[in-house]
Amino acid sequence: ALLLSTAISPMASGVVTVGLFGATWI
């Protein structure tokens, strides 16, 4: 999330992080 926050907005970095967490579990 910290890496993503350096490139995209705070909300987007949170959404992408949680999305990747769920996708990896699936």
mmCIF file of all heavy atoms, coordinates in Angstrom:
data_MODEL
# 
_entry.id   MODEL 
# 
loop_
_atom_site.group_PDB 
_atom_site.id 
_atom_site.type_symbol 
_atom_site.label_atom_id 
_atom_site.label_alt_id 
_atom_site.label_comp_id 
_atom_site.label_asym_id 
_atom_site.label_entity_id 
_atom_site.label_seq_id 
_atom_site.pdbx_PDB_ins_code 
_atom_site.Cartn_x 
_atom_site.Cartn_y 
_atom_site.Cartn_z 
_atom_site.occupancy 
_atom_site.B_iso_or_equiv 
_atom_site.pdbx_formal_charge 
_atom_site.auth_seq_id 
_atom_site.auth_comp_id 
_atom_site.auth_asym_id 
_atom_site.auth_atom_id 
_atom_site.pdbx_PDB_model_num 
ATOM 1   N N   . ALA A 1 1  ? 0.831   -1.215  0.000  1.00 0.00 ? 1  ALA A N   1 
ATOM 2   C CA  . ALA A 1 1  ? 0.000   0.000   0.000  1.00 0.00 ? 1  ALA A CA  1 
ATOM 3   C C   . ALA A 1 1  ? 0.860   1.258   0.000  1.00 0.00 ? 1  ALA A C   1 
ATOM 4   O O   . ALA A 1 1  ? 0.517   2.259   -0.639 1.00 0.00 ? 1  ALA A O   1 
ATOM 5   C CB  . ALA A 1 1  ? -0.935  -0.014  1.212  1.00 0.00 ? 1  ALA A CB  1 
ATOM 6   N N   . LEU A 1 2  ? 1.976   1.206   0.719  1.00 0.00 ? 2  LEU A N   1 
ATOM 7   C CA  . LEU A 1 2  ? 2.868   2.360   0.759  1.00 0.00 ? 2  LEU A CA  1 
ATOM 8   C C   . LEU A 1 2  ? 3.466   2.631   -0.620 1.00 0.00 ? 2  LEU A C   1 
ATOM 9   O O   . LEU A 1 2  ? 3.560   3.790   -1.047 1.00 0.00 ? 2  LEU A O   1 
ATOM 10  C CB  . LEU A 1 2  ? 3.974   2.124   1.784  1.00 0.00 ? 2  LEU A CB  1 
ATOM 11  C CG  . LEU A 1 2  ? 4.706   3.363   2.309  1.00 0.00 ? 2  LEU A CG  1 
ATOM 12  C CD1 . LEU A 1 2  ? 3.762   4.220   3.126  1.00 0.00 ? 2  LEU A CD1 1 
ATOM 13  C CD2 . LEU A 1 2  ? 5.905   2.951   3.156  1.00 0.00 ? 2  LEU A CD2 1 
ATOM 14  N N   . LEU A 1 3  ? 3.863   1.569   -1.308 1.00 0.00 ? 3  LEU A N   1 
ATOM 15  C CA  . LEU A 1 3  ? 4.395   1.730   -2.659 1.00 0.00 ? 3  LEU A CA  1 
ATOM 16  C C   . LEU A 1 3  ? 3.340   2.334   -3.592 1.00 0.00 ? 3  LEU A C   1 
ATOM 17  O O   . LEU A 1 3  ? 3.620   3.273   -4.341 1.00 0.00 ? 3  LEU A O   1 
ATOM 18  C CB  . LEU A 1 3  ? 4.866   0.384   -3.199 1.00 0.00 ? 3  LEU A CB  1 
ATOM 19  C CG  . LEU A 1 3  ? 5.226   0.330   -4.692 1.00 0.00 ? 3  LEU A CG  1 
ATOM 20  C CD1 . LEU A 1 3  ? 6.367   1.297   -5.016 1.00 0.00 ? 3  LEU A CD1 1 
ATOM 21  C CD2 . LEU A 1 3  ? 5.586   -1.089  -5.102 1.00 0.00 ? 3  LEU A CD2 1 
ATOM 22  N N   . LEU A 1 4  ? 2.144   1.797   -3.535 1.00 0.00 ? 4  LEU A N   1 
ATOM 23  C CA  . LEU A 1 4  ? 1.073   2.284   -4.410 1.00 0.00 ? 4  LEU A CA  1 
ATOM 24  C C   . LEU A 1 4  ? 0.732   3.743   -4.110 1.00 0.00 ? 4  LEU A C   1 
ATOM 25  O O   . LEU A 1 4  ? 0.392   4.510   -5.019 1.00 0.00 ? 4  LEU A O   1 
ATOM 26  C CB  . LEU A 1 4  ? -0.170  1.411   -4.263 1.00 0.00 ? 4  LEU A CB  1 
ATOM 27  C CG  . LEU A 1 4  ? -0.040  -0.025  -4.789 1.00 0.00 ? 4  LEU A CG  1 
ATOM 28  C CD1 . LEU A 1 4  ? -1.283  -0.830  -4.439 1.00 0.00 ? 4  LEU A CD1 1 
ATOM 29  C CD2 . LEU A 1 4  ? 0.186   -0.030  -6.292 1.00 0.00 ? 4  LEU A CD2 1 
ATOM 30  N N   . SER A 1 5  ? 0.838   4.127   -2.831 1.00 0.00 ? 5  SER A N   1 
ATOM 31  C CA  . SER A 1 5  ? 0.477   5.493   -2.462 1.00 0.00 ? 5  SER A CA  1 
ATOM 32  C C   . SER A 1 5  ? 1.455   6.530   -3.006 1.00 0.00 ? 5  SER A C   1 
ATOM 33  O O   . SER A 1 5  ? 1.147   7.718   -3.034 1.00 0.00 ? 5  SER A O   1 
ATOM 34  C CB  . SER A 1 5  ? 0.387   5.628   -0.941 1.00 0.00 ? 5  SER A CB  1 
ATOM 35  O OG  . SER A 1 5  ? 1.669   5.559   -0.337 1.00 0.00 ? 5  SER A OG  1 
ATOM 36  N N   . THR A 1 6  ? 2.631   6.074   -3.437 1.00 0.00 ? 6  THR A N   1 
ATOM 37  C CA  . THR A 1 6  ? 3.585   7.011   -4.039 1.00 0.00 ? 6  THR A CA  1 
ATOM 38  C C   . THR A 1 6  ? 3.261   7.294   -5.497 1.00 0.00 ? 6  THR A C   1 
ATOM 39  O O   . THR A 1 6  ? 3.853   8.195   -6.105 1.00 0.00 ? 6  THR A O   1 
ATOM 40  C CB  . THR A 1 6  ? 5.019   6.457   -3.964 1.00 0.00 ? 6  THR A CB  1 
ATOM 41  O OG1 . THR A 1 6  ? 5.123   5.259   -4.756 1.00 0.00 ? 6  THR A OG1 1 
ATOM 42  C CG2 . THR A 1 6  ? 5.410   6.148   -2.530 1.00 0.00 ? 6  THR A CG2 1 
ATOM 43  N N   . ALA A 1 7  ? 2.352   6.507   -6.075 1.00 0.00 ? 7  ALA A N   1 
ATOM 44  C CA  . ALA A 1 7  ? 2.058   6.642   -7.498 1.00 0.00 ? 7  ALA A CA  1 
ATOM 45  C C   . ALA A 1 7  ? 0.612   7.015   -7.793 1.00 0.00 ? 7  ALA A C   1 
ATOM 46  O O   . ALA A 1 7  ? 0.330   7.665   -8.802 1.00 0.00 ? 7  ALA A O   1 
ATOM 47  C CB  . ALA A 1 7  ? 2.402   5.344   -8.231 1.00 0.00 ? 7  ALA A CB  1 
ATOM 48  N N   . ILE A 1 8  ? -0.322  6.604   -6.914 1.00 0.00 ? 8  ILE A N   1 
ATOM 49  C CA  . ILE A 1 8  ? -1.739  6.866   -7.166 1.00 0.00 ? 8  ILE A CA  1 
ATOM 50  C C   . ILE A 1 8  ? -2.362  7.492   -5.927 1.00 0.00 ? 8  ILE A C   1 
ATOM 51  O O   . ILE A 1 8  ? -1.704  7.640   -4.890 1.00 0.00 ? 8  ILE A O   1 
ATOM 52  C CB  . ILE A 1 8  ? -2.489  5.583   -7.572 1.00 0.00 ? 8  ILE A CB  1 
ATOM 53  C CG1 . ILE A 1 8  ? -2.322  4.495   -6.495 1.00 0.00 ? 8  ILE A CG1 1 
ATOM 54  C CG2 . ILE A 1 8  ? -1.989  5.074   -8.906 1.00 0.00 ? 8  ILE A CG2 1 
ATOM 55  C CD1 . ILE A 1 8  ? -3.036  3.200   -6.821 1.00 0.00 ? 8  ILE A CD1 1 
ATOM 56  N N   . SER A 1 9  ? -3.630  7.829   -6.005 1.00 0.00 ? 9  SER A N   1 
ATOM 57  C CA  . SER A 1 9  ? -4.315  8.515   -4.908 1.00 0.00 ? 9  SER A CA  1 
ATOM 58  C C   . SER A 1 9  ? -4.461  7.603   -3.698 1.00 0.00 ? 9  SER A C   1 
ATOM 59  O O   . SER A 1 9  ? -4.415  6.368   -3.831 1.00 0.00 ? 9  SER A O   1 
ATOM 60  C CB  . SER A 1 9  ? -5.694  8.989   -5.373 1.00 0.00 ? 9  SER A CB  1 
ATOM 61  O OG  . SER A 1 9  ? -6.542  7.879   -5.601 1.00 0.00 ? 9  SER A OG  1 
ATOM 62  N N   . PRO A 1 10 ? -4.675  8.188   -2.504 1.00 0.00 ? 10 PRO A N   1 
ATOM 63  C CA  . PRO A 1 10 ? -4.815  7.364   -1.297 1.00 0.00 ? 10 PRO A CA  1 
ATOM 64  C C   . PRO A 1 10 ? -5.947  6.352   -1.388 1.00 0.00 ? 10 PRO A C   1 
ATOM 65  O O   . PRO A 1 10 ? -5.783  5.189   -1.016 1.00 0.00 ? 10 PRO A O   1 
ATOM 66  C CB  . PRO A 1 10 ? -5.078  8.407   -0.201 1.00 0.00 ? 10 PRO A CB  1 
ATOM 67  C CG  . PRO A 1 10 ? -4.491  9.668   -0.715 1.00 0.00 ? 10 PRO A CG  1 
ATOM 68  C CD  . PRO A 1 10 ? -4.665  9.630   -2.189 1.00 0.00 ? 10 PRO A CD  1 
ATOM 69  N N   . MET A 1 11 ? -7.120  6.775   -1.871 1.00 0.00 ? 11 MET A N   1 
ATOM 70  C CA  . MET A 1 11 ? -8.256  5.867   -1.983 1.00 0.00 ? 11 MET A CA  1 
ATOM 71  C C   . MET A 1 11 ? -7.955  4.739   -2.960 1.00 0.00 ? 11 MET A C   1 
ATOM 72  O O   . MET A 1 11 ? -8.226  3.567   -2.686 1.00 0.00 ? 11 MET A O   1 
ATOM 73  C CB  . MET A 1 11 ? -9.493  6.631   -2.437 1.00 0.00 ? 11 MET A CB  1 
ATOM 74  C CG  . MET A 1 11 ? -10.751 5.761   -2.559 1.00 0.00 ? 11 MET A CG  1 
ATOM 75  S SD  . MET A 1 11 ? -11.270 5.026   -0.989 1.00 0.00 ? 11 MET A SD  1 
ATOM 76  C CE  . MET A 1 11 ? -11.851 6.510   -0.131 1.00 0.00 ? 11 MET A CE  1 
ATOM 77  N N   . ALA A 1 12 ? -7.380  5.092   -4.103 1.00 0.00 ? 12 ALA A N   1 
ATOM 78  C CA  . ALA A 1 12 ? -7.072  4.078   -5.114 1.00 0.00 ? 12 ALA A CA  1 
ATOM 79  C C   . ALA A 1 12 ? -6.048  3.071   -4.601 1.00 0.00 ? 12 ALA A C   1 
ATOM 80  O O   . ALA A 1 12 ? -6.162  1.865   -4.867 1.00 0.00 ? 12 ALA A O   1 
ATOM 81  C CB  . ALA A 1 12 ? -6.559  4.747   -6.383 1.00 0.00 ? 12 ALA A CB  1 
ATOM 82  N N   . SER A 1 13 ? -5.041  3.538   -3.865 1.00 0.00 ? 13 SER A N   1 
ATOM 83  C CA  . SER A 1 13 ? -4.022  2.617   -3.351 1.00 0.00 ? 13 SER A CA  1 
ATOM 84  C C   . SER A 1 13 ? -4.631  1.622   -2.370 1.00 0.00 ? 13 SER A C   1 
ATOM 85  O O   . SER A 1 13 ? -4.272  0.439   -2.376 1.00 0.00 ? 13 SER A O   1 
ATOM 86  C CB  . SER A 1 13 ? -2.891  3.395   -2.677 1.00 0.00 ? 13 SER A CB  1 
ATOM 87  O OG  . SER A 1 13 ? -3.348  4.074   -1.521 1.00 0.00 ? 13 SER A OG  1 
ATOM 88  N N   . GLY A 1 14 ? -5.588  2.081   -1.540 1.00 0.00 ? 14 GLY A N   1 
ATOM 89  C CA  . GLY A 1 14 ? -6.253  1.186   -0.614 1.00 0.00 ? 14 GLY A CA  1 
ATOM 90  C C   . GLY A 1 14 ? -7.106  0.155   -1.328 1.00 0.00 ? 14 GLY A C   1 
ATOM 91  O O   . GLY A 1 14 ? -7.089  -1.036  -0.997 1.00 0.00 ? 14 GLY A O   1 
ATOM 92  N N   . VAL A 1 15 ? -7.848  0.595   -2.331 1.00 0.00 ? 15 VAL A N   1 
ATOM 93  C CA  . VAL A 1 15 ? -8.716  -0.312  -3.090 1.00 0.00 ? 15 VAL A CA  1 
ATOM 94  C C   . VAL A 1 15 ? -7.891  -1.368  -3.815 1.00 0.00 ? 15 VAL A C   1 
ATOM 95  O O   . VAL A 1 15 ? -8.213  -2.554  -3.795 1.00 0.00 ? 15 VAL A O   1 
ATOM 96  C CB  . VAL A 1 15 ? -9.577  0.483   -4.096 1.00 0.00 ? 15 VAL A CB  1 
ATOM 97  C CG1 . VAL A 1 15 ? -10.311 -0.464  -5.035 1.00 0.00 ? 15 VAL A CG1 1 
ATOM 98  C CG2 . VAL A 1 15 ? -10.578 1.364   -3.359 1.00 0.00 ? 15 VAL A CG2 1 
ATOM 99  N N   . VAL A 1 16 ? -6.805  -0.937  -4.468 1.00 0.00 ? 16 VAL A N   1 
ATOM 100 C CA  . VAL A 1 16 ? -5.962  -1.873  -5.211 1.00 0.00 ? 16 VAL A CA  1 
ATOM 101 C C   . VAL A 1 16 ? -5.308  -2.879  -4.263 1.00 0.00 ? 16 VAL A C   1 
ATOM 102 O O   . VAL A 1 16 ? -5.239  -4.082  -4.561 1.00 0.00 ? 16 VAL A O   1 
ATOM 103 C CB  . VAL A 1 16 ? -4.888  -1.116  -6.011 1.00 0.00 ? 16 VAL A CB  1 
ATOM 104 C CG1 . VAL A 1 16 ? -3.891  -2.099  -6.637 1.00 0.00 ? 16 VAL A CG1 1 
ATOM 105 C CG2 . VAL A 1 16 ? -5.536  -0.277  -7.098 1.00 0.00 ? 16 VAL A CG2 1 
ATOM 106 N N   . THR A 1 17 ? -4.854  -2.411  -3.111 1.00 0.00 ? 17 THR A N   1 
ATOM 107 C CA  . THR A 1 17 ? -4.209  -3.314  -2.147 1.00 0.00 ? 17 THR A CA  1 
ATOM 108 C C   . THR A 1 17 ? -5.167  -4.391  -1.666 1.00 0.00 ? 17 THR A C   1 
ATOM 109 O O   . THR A 1 17 ? -4.833  -5.583  -1.660 1.00 0.00 ? 17 THR A O   1 
ATOM 110 C CB  . THR A 1 17 ? -3.683  -2.512  -0.941 1.00 0.00 ? 17 THR A CB  1 
ATOM 111 O OG1 . THR A 1 17 ? -2.728  -1.555  -1.383 1.00 0.00 ? 17 THR A OG1 1 
ATOM 112 C CG2 . THR A 1 17 ? -3.029  -3.436  0.074  1.00 0.00 ? 17 THR A CG2 1 
ATOM 113 N N   . VAL A 1 18 ? -6.376  -3.987  -1.264 1.00 0.00 ? 18 VAL A N   1 
ATOM 114 C CA  . VAL A 1 18 ? -7.361  -4.965  -0.792 1.00 0.00 ? 18 VAL A CA  1 
ATOM 115 C C   . VAL A 1 18 ? -7.784  -5.887  -1.930 1.00 0.00 ? 18 VAL A C   1 
ATOM 116 O O   . VAL A 1 18 ? -7.975  -7.097  -1.741 1.00 0.00 ? 18 VAL A O   1 
ATOM 117 C CB  . VAL A 1 18 ? -8.585  -4.250  -0.189 1.00 0.00 ? 18 VAL A CB  1 
ATOM 118 C CG1 . VAL A 1 18 ? -9.662  -5.254  0.204  1.00 0.00 ? 18 VAL A CG1 1 
ATOM 119 C CG2 . VAL A 1 18 ? -8.174  -3.432  1.029  1.00 0.00 ? 18 VAL A CG2 1 
ATOM 120 N N   . GLY A 1 19 ? -7.922  -5.326  -3.143 1.00 0.00 ? 19 GLY A N   1 
ATOM 121 C CA  . GLY A 1 19 ? -8.274  -6.143  -4.291 1.00 0.00 ? 19 GLY A CA  1 
ATOM 122 C C   . GLY A 1 19 ? -7.238  -7.210  -4.587 1.00 0.00 ? 19 GLY A C   1 
ATOM 123 O O   . GLY A 1 19 ? -7.576  -8.369  -4.861 1.00 0.00 ? 19 GLY A O   1 
ATOM 124 N N   . LEU A 1 20 ? -5.962  -6.844  -4.517 1.00 0.00 ? 20 LEU A N   1 
ATOM 125 C CA  . LEU A 1 20 ? -4.893  -7.816  -4.745 1.00 0.00 ? 20 LEU A CA  1 
ATOM 126 C C   . LEU A 1 20 ? -4.844  -8.858  -3.633 1.00 0.00 ? 20 LEU A C   1 
ATOM 127 O O   . LEU A 1 20 ? -4.556  -10.037 -3.893 1.00 0.00 ? 20 LEU A O   1 
ATOM 128 C CB  . LEU A 1 20 ? -3.543  -7.094  -4.849 1.00 0.00 ? 20 LEU A CB  1 
ATOM 129 C CG  . LEU A 1 20 ? -3.343  -6.248  -6.107 1.00 0.00 ? 20 LEU A CG  1 
ATOM 130 C CD1 . LEU A 1 20 ? -2.022  -5.481  -6.026 1.00 0.00 ? 20 LEU A CD1 1 
ATOM 131 C CD2 . LEU A 1 20 ? -3.360  -7.126  -7.355 1.00 0.00 ? 20 LEU A CD2 1 
ATOM 132 N N   . PHE A 1 21 ? -5.127  -8.444  -2.402 1.00 0.00 ? 21 PHE A N   1 
ATOM 133 C CA  . PHE A 1 21 ? -5.188  -9.389  -1.282 1.00 0.00 ? 21 PHE A CA  1 
ATOM 134 C C   . PHE A 1 21 ? -6.249  -10.449 -1.547 1.00 0.00 ? 21 PHE A C   1 
ATOM 135 O O   . PHE A 1 21 ? -6.010  -11.655 -1.396 1.00 0.00 ? 21 PHE A O   1 
ATOM 136 C CB  . PHE A 1 21 ? -5.494  -8.626  0.009  1.00 0.00 ? 21 PHE A CB  1 
ATOM 137 C CG  . PHE A 1 21 ? -5.840  -9.508  1.176  1.00 0.00 ? 21 PHE A CG  1 
ATOM 138 C CD1 . PHE A 1 21 ? -4.849  -10.139 1.908  1.00 0.00 ? 21 PHE A CD1 1 
ATOM 139 C CD2 . PHE A 1 21 ? -7.166  -9.706  1.550  1.00 0.00 ? 21 PHE A CD2 1 
ATOM 140 C CE1 . PHE A 1 21 ? -5.164  -10.948 2.985  1.00 0.00 ? 21 PHE A CE1 1 
ATOM 141 C CE2 . PHE A 1 21 ? -7.494  -10.512 2.624  1.00 0.00 ? 21 PHE A CE2 1 
ATOM 142 C CZ  . PHE A 1 21 ? -6.492  -11.141 3.345  1.00 0.00 ? 21 PHE A CZ  1 
ATOM 143 N N   . GLY A 1 22 ? -7.445  -10.007 -1.953 1.00 0.00 ? 22 GLY A N   1 
ATOM 144 C CA  . GLY A 1 22 ? -8.521  -10.951 -2.241 1.00 0.00 ? 22 GLY A CA  1 
ATOM 145 C C   . GLY A 1 22 ? -8.225  -11.820 -3.446 1.00 0.00 ? 22 GLY A C   1 
ATOM 146 O O   . GLY A 1 22 ? -8.485  -13.029 -3.441 1.00 0.00 ? 22 GLY A O   1 
ATOM 147 N N   . ALA A 1 23 ? -7.657  -11.220 -4.493 1.00 0.00 ? 23 ALA A N   1 
ATOM 148 C CA  . ALA A 1 23 ? -7.347  -11.979 -5.709 1.00 0.00 ? 23 ALA A CA  1 
ATOM 149 C C   . ALA A 1 23 ? -6.306  -13.058 -5.435 1.00 0.00 ? 23 ALA A C   1 
ATOM 150 O O   . ALA A 1 23 ? -6.394  -14.177 -5.963 1.00 0.00 ? 23 ALA A O   1 
ATOM 151 C CB  . ALA A 1 23 ? -6.846  -11.031 -6.795 1.00 0.00 ? 23 ALA A CB  1 
ATOM 152 N N   . THR A 1 24 ? -5.319  -12.736 -4.583 1.00 0.00 ? 24 THR A N   1 
ATOM 153 C CA  . THR A 1 24 ? -4.291  -13.722 -4.256 1.00 0.00 ? 24 THR A CA  1 
ATOM 154 C C   . THR A 1 24 ? -4.874  -14.884 -3.468 1.00 0.00 ? 24 THR A C   1 
ATOM 155 O O   . THR A 1 24 ? -4.505  -16.049 -3.675 1.00 0.00 ? 24 THR A O   1 
ATOM 156 C CB  . THR A 1 24 ? -3.155  -13.063 -3.453 1.00 0.00 ? 24 THR A CB  1 
ATOM 157 O OG1 . THR A 1 24 ? -2.643  -11.953 -4.188 1.00 0.00 ? 24 THR A OG1 1 
ATOM 158 C CG2 . THR A 1 24 ? -2.030  -14.045 -3.188 1.00 0.00 ? 24 THR A CG2 1 
ATOM 159 N N   . TRP A 1 25 ? -5.803  -14.580 -2.553 1.00 0.00 ? 25 TRP A N   1 
ATOM 160 C CA  . TRP A 1 25 ? -6.446  -15.652 -1.783 1.00 0.00 ? 25 TRP A CA  1 
ATOM 161 C C   . TRP A 1 25 ? -7.257  -16.563 -2.701 1.00 0.00 ? 25 TRP A C   1 
ATOM 162 O O   . TRP A 1 25 ? -7.202  -17.796 -2.593 1.00 0.00 ? 25 TRP A O   1 
ATOM 163 C CB  . TRP A 1 25 ? -7.348  -15.061 -0.706 1.00 0.00 ? 25 TRP A CB  1 
ATOM 164 C CG  . TRP A 1 25 ? -8.012  -16.131 0.125  1.00 0.00 ? 25 TRP A CG  1 
ATOM 165 C CD1 . TRP A 1 25 ? -7.437  -16.880 1.107  1.00 0.00 ? 25 TRP A CD1 1 
ATOM 166 C CD2 . TRP A 1 25 ? -9.372  -16.576 0.014  1.00 0.00 ? 25 TRP A CD2 1 
ATOM 167 N NE1 . TRP A 1 25 ? -8.354  -17.763 1.632  1.00 0.00 ? 25 TRP A NE1 1 
ATOM 168 C CE2 . TRP A 1 25 ? -9.546  -17.598 0.981  1.00 0.00 ? 25 TRP A CE2 1 
ATOM 169 C CE3 . TRP A 1 25 ? -10.452 -16.194 -0.786 1.00 0.00 ? 25 TRP A CE3 1 
ATOM 170 C CZ2 . TRP A 1 25 ? -10.767 -18.254 1.152  1.00 0.00 ? 25 TRP A CZ2 1 
ATOM 171 C CZ3 . TRP A 1 25 ? -11.664 -16.855 -0.611 1.00 0.00 ? 25 TRP A CZ3 1 
ATOM 172 C CH2 . TRP A 1 25 ? -11.820 -17.867 0.347  1.00 0.00 ? 25 TRP A CH2 1 
ATOM 173 N N   . ILE A 1 26 ? -8.006  -15.968 -3.626 1.00 0.00 ? 26 ILE A N   1 
ATOM 174 C CA  . ILE A 1 26 ? -8.795  -16.764 -4.573 1.00 0.00 ? 26 ILE A CA  1 
ATOM 175 C C   . ILE A 1 26 ? -7.878  -17.615 -5.444 1.00 0.00 ? 26 ILE A C   1 
ATOM 176 O O   . ILE A 1 26 ? -8.158  -18.797 -5.716 1.00 0.00 ? 26 ILE A O   1 
ATOM 177 C CB  . ILE A 1 26 ? -9.671  -15.845 -5.444 1.00 0.00 ? 26 ILE A CB  1 
ATOM 178 C CG1 . ILE A 1 26 ? -10.747 -15.179 -4.581 1.00 0.00 ? 26 ILE A CG1 1 
ATOM 179 C CG2 . ILE A 1 26 ? -10.317 -16.625 -6.585 1.00 0.00 ? 26 ILE A CG2 1 
ATOM 180 C CD1 . ILE A 1 26 ? -11.551 -14.130 -5.302 1.00 0.00 ? 26 ILE A CD1 1 
# 
